[in-house]
């Protein structure tokens, strides 16, 4: 089980800015409820909660089950 957790920790989640729409890849380990994210493009600062947090949780669950959506989740090694 620890090796699967390590695999998930090595991945990144693509997150779109709600203002400018541009995507940024964040390490899964940074994606926790209440995380402060800043868009590197428009500099919007937001707190990860509510429906955005629910979406991120679903993507993390997909990673843990091994059902990766390659369009939204990228490995550090790519």
PDB file of N, CA and C in Angstrom:
ATOM      1  N   UNK A   1       0.815  -1.201   0.000  1.00  0.00           N
ATOM      2  CA  UNK A   1       0.000   0.000   0.000  1.00  0.00           C
ATOM      3  C   UNK A   1       0.858   1.264   0.000  1.00  0.00           C
ATOM      4  N   UNK A   2       2.001   1.218   0.683  1.00  0.00           N
ATOM      5  CA  UNK A   2       2.858   2.395   0.752  1.00  0.00           C
ATOM      6  C   UNK A   2       3.401   2.774  -0.616  1.00  0.00           C
ATOM      7  N   UNK A   3       3.675   1.766  -1.467  1.00  0.00           N
ATOM      8  CA  UNK A   3       4.179   2.075  -2.806  1.00  0.00           C
ATOM      9  C   UNK A   3       3.114   2.769  -3.648  1.00  0.00           C
ATOM     10  N   UNK A   4       1.836   2.393  -3.459  1.00  0.00           N
ATOM     11  CA  UNK A   4       0.751   3.070  -4.180  1.00  0.00           C
ATOM     12  C   UNK A   4       0.610   4.510  -3.707  1.00  0.00           C
ATOM     13  N   UNK A   5       0.751   4.741  -2.394  1.00  0.00           N
ATOM     14  CA  UNK A   5       0.686   6.106  -1.871  1.00  0.00           C
ATOM     15  C   UNK A   5       1.834   6.931  -2.429  1.00  0.00           C
ATOM     16  N   UNK A   6       3.002   6.332  -2.576  1.00  0.00           N
ATOM     17  CA  UNK A   6       4.158   7.022  -3.141  1.00  0.00           C
ATOM     18  C   UNK A   6       3.871   7.391  -4.595  1.00  0.00           C
ATOM     19  N   UNK A   7       3.254   6.453  -5.348  1.00  0.00           N
ATOM     20  CA  UNK A   7       2.905   6.719  -6.747  1.00  0.00           C
ATOM     21  C   UNK A   7       1.981   7.917  -6.854  1.00  0.00           C
ATOM     22  N   UNK A   8       0.978   7.978  -5.996  1.00  0.00           N
ATOM     23  CA  UNK A   8       0.033   9.098  -6.006  1.00  0.00           C
ATOM     24  C   UNK A   8       0.753  10.387  -5.654  1.00  0.00           C
ATOM     25  N   UNK A   9       1.641  10.350  -4.677  1.00  0.00           N
ATOM     26  CA  UNK A   9       2.365  11.551  -4.255  1.00  0.00           C
ATOM     27  C   UNK A   9       3.272  12.085  -5.357  1.00  0.00           C
ATOM     28  N   UNK A  10       3.695  11.231  -6.279  1.00  0.00           N
ATOM     29  CA  UNK A  10       4.573  11.640  -7.377  1.00  0.00           C
ATOM     30  C   UNK A  10       3.808  12.287  -8.531  1.00  0.00           C
ATOM     31  N   UNK A  11       2.505  12.356  -8.452  1.00  0.00           N
ATOM     32  CA  UNK A  11       1.708  12.895  -9.547  1.00  0.00           C
ATOM     33  C   UNK A  11       1.328  14.356  -9.313  1.00  0.00           C
ATOM     34  N   UNK A  12       0.872  14.948 -10.393  1.00  0.00           N
ATOM     35  CA  UNK A  12       0.422  16.337 -10.358  1.00  0.00           C
ATOM     36  C   UNK A  12      -0.998  16.386 -10.892  1.00  0.00           C
ATOM     37  N   UNK A  13      -1.747  17.374 -10.427  1.00  0.00           N
ATOM     38  CA  UNK A  13      -3.116  17.581 -10.888  1.00  0.00           C
ATOM     39  C   UNK A  13      -3.165  18.912 -11.624  1.00  0.00           C
ATOM     40  N   UNK A  14      -3.749  18.891 -12.800  1.00  0.00           N
ATOM     41  CA  UNK A  14      -3.912  20.101 -13.597  1.00  0.00           C
ATOM     42  C   UNK A  14      -5.143  20.840 -13.087  1.00  0.00           C
ATOM     43  N   UNK A  15      -4.965  22.092 -12.714  1.00  0.00           N
ATOM     44  CA  UNK A  15      -6.032  22.890 -12.117  1.00  0.00           C
ATOM     45  C   UNK A  15      -6.202  24.166 -12.929  1.00  0.00           C
ATOM     46  N   UNK A  16      -7.425  24.421 -13.397  1.00  0.00           N
ATOM     47  CA  UNK A  16      -7.693  25.619 -14.198  1.00  0.00           C
ATOM     48  C   UNK A  16      -8.079  26.797 -13.320  1.00  0.00           C
ATOM     49  N   UNK A  17      -7.520  27.948 -13.617  1.00  0.00           N
ATOM     50  CA  UNK A  17      -7.859  29.173 -12.900  1.00  0.00           C
ATOM     51  C   UNK A  17      -9.292  29.559 -13.238  1.00  0.00           C
ATOM     52  N   UNK A  18     -10.121  29.852 -12.238  1.00  0.00           N
ATOM     53  CA  UNK A  18     -11.512  30.225 -12.515  1.00  0.00           C
ATOM     54  C   UNK A  18     -11.653  31.604 -13.176  1.00  0.00           C
ATOM     55  N   UNK A  19     -10.601  32.407 -13.187  1.00  0.00           N
ATOM     56  CA  UNK A  19     -10.677  33.733 -13.793  1.00  0.00           C
ATOM     57  C   UNK A  19     -10.114  33.726 -15.216  1.00  0.00           C
ATOM     58  N   UNK A  20      -8.852  33.319 -15.371  1.00  0.00           N
ATOM     59  CA  UNK A  20      -8.225  33.386 -16.705  1.00  0.00           C
ATOM     60  C   UNK A  20      -8.346  32.079 -17.481  1.00  0.00           C
ATOM     61  N   UNK A  21      -8.680  30.971 -16.788  1.00  0.00           N
ATOM     62  CA  UNK A  21      -8.887  29.691 -17.453  1.00  0.00           C
ATOM     63  C   UNK A  21      -7.628  28.921 -17.794  1.00  0.00           C
ATOM     64  N   UNK A  22      -6.470  29.464 -17.483  1.00  0.00           N
ATOM     65  CA  UNK A  22      -5.231  28.767 -17.803  1.00  0.00           C
ATOM     66  C   UNK A  22      -4.947  27.687 -16.761  1.00  0.00           C
ATOM     67  N   UNK A  23      -4.339  26.600 -17.221  1.00  0.00           N
ATOM     68  CA  UNK A  23      -4.081  25.453 -16.349  1.00  0.00           C
ATOM     69  C   UNK A  23      -2.678  25.491 -15.773  1.00  0.00           C
ATOM     70  N   UNK A  24      -2.587  25.067 -14.525  1.00  0.00           N
ATOM     71  CA  UNK A  24      -1.318  24.927 -13.837  1.00  0.00           C
ATOM     72  C   UNK A  24      -1.305  23.551 -13.185  1.00  0.00           C
ATOM     73  N   UNK A  25      -0.175  22.863 -13.265  1.00  0.00           N
ATOM     74  CA  UNK A  25      -0.039  21.560 -12.622  1.00  0.00           C
ATOM     75  C   UNK A  25       0.503  21.742 -11.214  1.00  0.00           C
ATOM     76  N   UNK A  26      -0.218  21.184 -10.256  1.00  0.00           N
ATOM     77  CA  UNK A  26       0.184  21.253  -8.844  1.00  0.00           C
ATOM     78  C   UNK A  26       0.472  19.848  -8.342  1.00  0.00           C
ATOM     79  N   UNK A  27       1.488  19.679  -7.488  1.00  0.00           N
ATOM     80  CA  UNK A  27       1.727  18.363  -6.878  1.00  0.00           C
ATOM     81  C   UNK A  27       0.514  17.948  -6.044  1.00  0.00           C
ATOM     82  N   UNK A  28       0.185  16.672  -6.093  1.00  0.00           N
ATOM     83  CA  UNK A  28      -0.951  16.151  -5.327  1.00  0.00           C
ATOM     84  C   UNK A  28      -0.791  16.482  -3.849  1.00  0.00           C
ATOM     85  N   UNK A  29       0.436  16.474  -3.361  1.00  0.00           N
ATOM     86  CA  UNK A  29       0.675  16.725  -1.942  1.00  0.00           C
ATOM     87  C   UNK A  29       0.289  18.145  -1.532  1.00  0.00           C
ATOM     88  N   UNK A  30       0.242  19.085  -2.473  1.00  0.00           N
ATOM     89  CA  UNK A  30      -0.170  20.465  -2.181  1.00  0.00           C
ATOM     90  C   UNK A  30      -1.686  20.625  -2.191  1.00  0.00           C
ATOM     91  N   UNK A  31      -2.377  19.669  -2.795  1.00  0.00           N
ATOM     92  CA  UNK A  31      -3.812  19.791  -2.987  1.00  0.00           C
ATOM     93  C   UNK A  31      -4.558  19.243  -1.775  1.00  0.00           C
ATOM     94  N   UNK A  32      -4.720  20.091  -0.780  1.00  0.00           N
ATOM     95  CA  UNK A  32      -5.446  19.733   0.433  1.00  0.00           C
ATOM     96  C   UNK A  32      -6.548  20.768   0.651  1.00  0.00           C
ATOM     97  N   UNK A  33      -7.565  20.377   1.390  1.00  0.00           N
ATOM     98  CA  UNK A  33      -8.651  21.318   1.665  1.00  0.00           C
ATOM     99  C   UNK A  33      -8.110  22.551   2.376  1.00  0.00           C
ATOM    100  N   UNK A  34      -8.468  23.713   1.868  1.00  0.00           N
ATOM    101  CA  UNK A  34      -8.022  24.965   2.446  1.00  0.00           C
ATOM    102  C   UNK A  34      -6.694  25.463   1.891  1.00  0.00           C
ATOM    103  N   UNK A  35      -6.101  24.716   0.952  1.00  0.00           N
ATOM    104  CA  UNK A  35      -4.812  25.126   0.379  1.00  0.00           C
ATOM    105  C   UNK A  35      -4.951  26.482  -0.313  1.00  0.00           C
ATOM    106  N   UNK A  36      -3.935  27.305  -0.155  1.00  0.00           N
ATOM    107  CA  UNK A  36      -3.898  28.605  -0.820  1.00  0.00           C
ATOM    108  C   UNK A  36      -3.151  28.427  -2.141  1.00  0.00           C
ATOM    109  N   UNK A  37      -3.845  28.647  -3.249  1.00  0.00           N
ATOM    110  CA  UNK A  37      -3.247  28.527  -4.579  1.00  0.00           C
ATOM    111  C   UNK A  37      -3.214  29.901  -5.220  1.00  0.00           C
ATOM    112  N   UNK A  38      -2.168  30.163  -5.989  1.00  0.00           N
ATOM    113  CA  UNK A  38      -2.056  31.430  -6.711  1.00  0.00           C
ATOM    114  C   UNK A  38      -1.810  31.114  -8.180  1.00  0.00           C
ATOM    115  N   UNK A  39      -2.628  31.680  -9.039  1.00  0.00           N
ATOM    116  CA  UNK A  39      -2.456  31.491 -10.469  1.00  0.00           C
ATOM    117  C   UNK A  39      -1.176  32.219 -10.895  1.00  0.00           C
ATOM    118  N   UNK A  40      -0.250  31.519 -11.541  1.00  0.00           N
ATOM    119  CA  UNK A  40       0.995  32.169 -11.952  1.00  0.00           C
ATOM    120  C   UNK A  40       0.801  33.140 -13.125  1.00  0.00           C
ATOM    121  N   UNK A  41      -0.362  33.104 -13.757  1.00  0.00           N
ATOM    122  CA  UNK A  41      -0.617  33.945 -14.916  1.00  0.00           C
ATOM    123  C   UNK A  41      -1.307  35.260 -14.545  1.00  0.00           C
ATOM    124  N   UNK A  42      -2.465  35.158 -13.875  1.00  0.00           N
ATOM    125  CA  UNK A  42      -3.214  36.384 -13.538  1.00  0.00           C
ATOM    126  C   UNK A  42      -3.044  36.784 -12.068  1.00  0.00           C
ATOM    127  N   UNK A  43      -2.324  35.955 -11.303  1.00  0.00           N
ATOM    128  CA  UNK A  43      -2.006  36.219  -9.882  1.00  0.00           C
ATOM    129  C   UNK A  43      -3.213  36.134  -8.949  1.00  0.00           C
ATOM    130  N   UNK A  44      -4.311  35.534  -9.402  1.00  0.00           N
ATOM    131  CA  UNK A  44      -5.468  35.326  -8.532  1.00  0.00           C
ATOM    132  C   UNK A  44      -5.071  34.405  -7.378  1.00  0.00           C
ATOM    133  N   UNK A  45      -5.389  34.797  -6.163  1.00  0.00           N
ATOM    134  CA  UNK A  45      -5.158  33.959  -4.986  1.00  0.00           C
ATOM    135  C   UNK A  45      -6.500  33.348  -4.597  1.00  0.00           C
ATOM    136  N   UNK A  46      -6.528  32.033  -4.452  1.00  0.00           N
ATOM    137  CA  UNK A  46      -7.780  31.396  -4.053  1.00  0.00           C
ATOM    138  C   UNK A  46      -7.522  30.313  -3.035  1.00  0.00           C
ATOM    139  N   UNK A  47      -8.577  29.988  -2.316  1.00  0.00           N
ATOM    140  CA  UNK A  47      -8.525  28.958  -1.292  1.00  0.00           C
ATOM    141  C   UNK A  47      -9.272  27.743  -1.824  1.00  0.00           C
ATOM    142  N   UNK A  48      -8.643  26.586  -1.769  1.00  0.00           N
ATOM    143  CA  UNK A  48      -9.229  25.358  -2.294  1.00  0.00           C
ATOM    144  C   UNK A  48     -10.282  24.834  -1.323  1.00  0.00           C
ATOM    145  N   UNK A  49     -11.553  25.030  -1.676  1.00  0.00           N
ATOM    146  CA  UNK A  49     -12.653  24.553  -0.841  1.00  0.00           C
ATOM    147  C   UNK A  49     -13.906  24.415  -1.699  1.00  0.00           C
ATOM    148  N   UNK A  50     -14.975  23.944  -1.101  1.00  0.00           N
ATOM    149  CA  UNK A  50     -16.255  23.831  -1.802  1.00  0.00           C
ATOM    150  C   UNK A  50     -16.192  22.907  -3.000  1.00  0.00           C
ATOM    151  N   UNK A  51     -16.853  23.313  -4.095  1.00  0.00           N
ATOM    152  CA  UNK A  51     -16.927  22.433  -5.269  1.00  0.00           C
ATOM    153  C   UNK A  51     -15.561  22.207  -5.909  1.00  0.00           C
ATOM    154  N   UNK A  52     -14.659  23.181  -5.811  1.00  0.00           N
ATOM    155  CA  UNK A  52     -13.313  22.983  -6.372  1.00  0.00           C
ATOM    156  C   UNK A  52     -12.582  21.879  -5.598  1.00  0.00           C
ATOM    157  N   UNK A  53     -12.718  21.883  -4.287  1.00  0.00           N
ATOM    158  CA  UNK A  53     -12.094  20.849  -3.455  1.00  0.00           C
ATOM    159  C   UNK A  53     -12.698  19.489  -3.762  1.00  0.00           C
ATOM    160  N   UNK A  54     -14.018  19.427  -3.978  1.00  0.00           N
ATOM    161  CA  UNK A  54     -14.666  18.159  -4.310  1.00  0.00           C
ATOM    162  C   UNK A  54     -14.131  17.603  -5.632  1.00  0.00           C
ATOM    163  N   UNK A  55     -13.925  18.468  -6.614  1.00  0.00           N
ATOM    164  CA  UNK A  55     -13.365  18.034  -7.898  1.00  0.00           C
ATOM    165  C   UNK A  55     -11.956  17.476  -7.720  1.00  0.00           C
ATOM    166  N   UNK A  56     -11.147  18.157  -6.925  1.00  0.00           N
ATOM    167  CA  UNK A  56      -9.776  17.704  -6.672  1.00  0.00           C
ATOM    168  C   UNK A  56      -9.794  16.360  -5.939  1.00  0.00           C
ATOM    169  N   UNK A  57     -10.678  16.206  -4.966  1.00  0.00           N
ATOM    170  CA  UNK A  57     -10.780  14.940  -4.238  1.00  0.00           C
ATOM    171  C   UNK A  57     -11.095  13.790  -5.188  1.00  0.00           C
ATOM    172  N   UNK A  58     -12.001  14.015  -6.133  1.00  0.00           N
ATOM    173  CA  UNK A  58     -12.344  12.971  -7.106  1.00  0.00           C
ATOM    174  C   UNK A  58     -11.123  12.574  -7.937  1.00  0.00           C
ATOM    175  N   UNK A  59     -10.343  13.545  -8.348  1.00  0.00           N
ATOM    176  CA  UNK A  59      -9.146  13.250  -9.143  1.00  0.00           C
ATOM    177  C   UNK A  59      -8.109  12.486  -8.321  1.00  0.00           C
ATOM    178  N   UNK A  60      -7.961  12.838  -7.050  1.00  0.00           N
ATOM    179  CA  UNK A  60      -7.025  12.127  -6.180  1.00  0.00           C
ATOM    180  C   UNK A  60      -7.497  10.690  -5.971  1.00  0.00           C
ATOM    181  N   UNK A  61      -8.803  10.491  -5.815  1.00  0.00           N
ATOM    182  CA  UNK A  61      -9.349   9.137  -5.664  1.00  0.00           C
ATOM    183  C   UNK A  61      -9.085   8.306  -6.913  1.00  0.00           C
ATOM    184  N   UNK A  62      -9.225   8.909  -8.087  1.00  0.00           N
ATOM    185  CA  UNK A  62      -8.922   8.193  -9.332  1.00  0.00           C
ATOM    186  C   UNK A  62      -7.472   7.738  -9.339  1.00  0.00           C
ATOM    187  N   UNK A  63      -6.580   8.613  -8.883  1.00  0.00           N
ATOM    188  CA  UNK A  63      -5.164   8.259  -8.812  1.00  0.00           C
ATOM    189  C   UNK A  63      -4.940   7.077  -7.879  1.00  0.00           C
ATOM    190  N   UNK A  64      -5.568   7.111  -6.700  1.00  0.00           N
ATOM    191  CA  UNK A  64      -5.353   6.045  -5.728  1.00  0.00           C
ATOM    192  C   UNK A  64      -5.902   4.713  -6.206  1.00  0.00           C
ATOM    193  N   UNK A  65      -6.944   4.765  -7.040  1.00  0.00           N
ATOM    194  CA  UNK A  65      -7.504   3.526  -7.585  1.00  0.00           C
ATOM    195  C   UNK A  65      -6.750   3.073  -8.828  1.00  0.00           C
ATOM    196  N   UNK A  66      -5.889   3.932  -9.344  1.00  0.00           N
ATOM    197  CA  UNK A  66      -5.144   3.576 -10.541  1.00  0.00           C
ATOM    198  C   UNK A  66      -5.855   3.955 -11.823  1.00  0.00           C
ATOM    199  N   UNK A  67      -7.055   4.526 -11.748  1.00  0.00           N
ATOM    200  CA  UNK A  67      -7.798   4.940 -12.933  1.00  0.00           C
ATOM    201  C   UNK A  67      -7.457   6.359 -13.293  1.00  0.00           C
ATOM    202  N   UNK A  68      -6.298   6.559 -13.884  1.00  0.00           N
ATOM    203  CA  UNK A  68      -5.816   7.899 -14.150  1.00  0.00           C
ATOM    204  C   UNK A  68      -6.425   8.474 -15.416  1.00  0.00           C
ATOM    205  N   UNK A  69      -6.870   9.697 -15.334  1.00  0.00           N
ATOM    206  CA  UNK A  69      -7.345  10.438 -16.488  1.00  0.00           C
ATOM    207  C   UNK A  69      -6.140  11.203 -17.018  1.00  0.00           C
ATOM    208  N   UNK A  70      -5.527  10.694 -18.085  1.00  0.00           N
ATOM    209  CA  UNK A  70      -4.259  11.246 -18.549  1.00  0.00           C
ATOM    210  C   UNK A  70      -4.366  12.677 -19.044  1.00  0.00           C
ATOM    211  N   UNK A  71      -5.542  13.154 -19.346  1.00  0.00           N
ATOM    212  CA  UNK A  71      -5.693  14.531 -19.791  1.00  0.00           C
ATOM    213  C   UNK A  71      -5.626  15.509 -18.632  1.00  0.00           C
ATOM    214  N   UNK A  72      -5.885  15.060 -17.412  1.00  0.00           N
ATOM    215  CA  UNK A  72      -5.952  15.980 -16.283  1.00  0.00           C
ATOM    216  C   UNK A  72      -4.854  15.755 -15.258  1.00  0.00           C
ATOM    217  N   UNK A  73      -4.234  14.575 -15.272  1.00  0.00           N
ATOM    218  CA  UNK A  73      -3.245  14.255 -14.255  1.00  0.00           C
ATOM    219  C   UNK A  73      -1.945  13.870 -14.950  1.00  0.00           C
ATOM    220  N   UNK A  74      -0.841  14.453 -14.528  1.00  0.00           N
ATOM    221  CA  UNK A  74       0.438  14.185 -15.165  1.00  0.00           C
ATOM    222  C   UNK A  74       1.454  13.743 -14.127  1.00  0.00           C
ATOM    223  N   UNK A  75       2.336  12.851 -14.538  1.00  0.00           N
ATOM    224  CA  UNK A  75       3.388  12.370 -13.655  1.00  0.00           C
ATOM    225  C   UNK A  75       4.548  13.353 -13.653  1.00  0.00           C
ATOM    226  N   UNK A  76       5.263  13.404 -12.545  1.00  0.00           N
ATOM    227  CA  UNK A  76       6.474  14.236 -12.454  1.00  0.00           C
ATOM    228  C   UNK A  76       7.488  13.816 -13.513  1.00  0.00           C
ATOM    229  N   UNK A  77       7.474  12.547 -13.880  1.00  0.00           N
ATOM    230  CA  UNK A  77       8.490  12.006 -14.773  1.00  0.00           C
ATOM    231  C   UNK A  77       8.239  12.314 -16.233  1.00  0.00           C
ATOM    232  N   UNK A  78       7.160  12.935 -16.594  1.00  0.00           N
ATOM    233  CA  UNK A  78       6.875  13.235 -18.005  1.00  0.00           C
ATOM    234  C   UNK A  78       7.658  14.417 -18.460  1.00  0.00           C
TER     235      UNK A  78
END
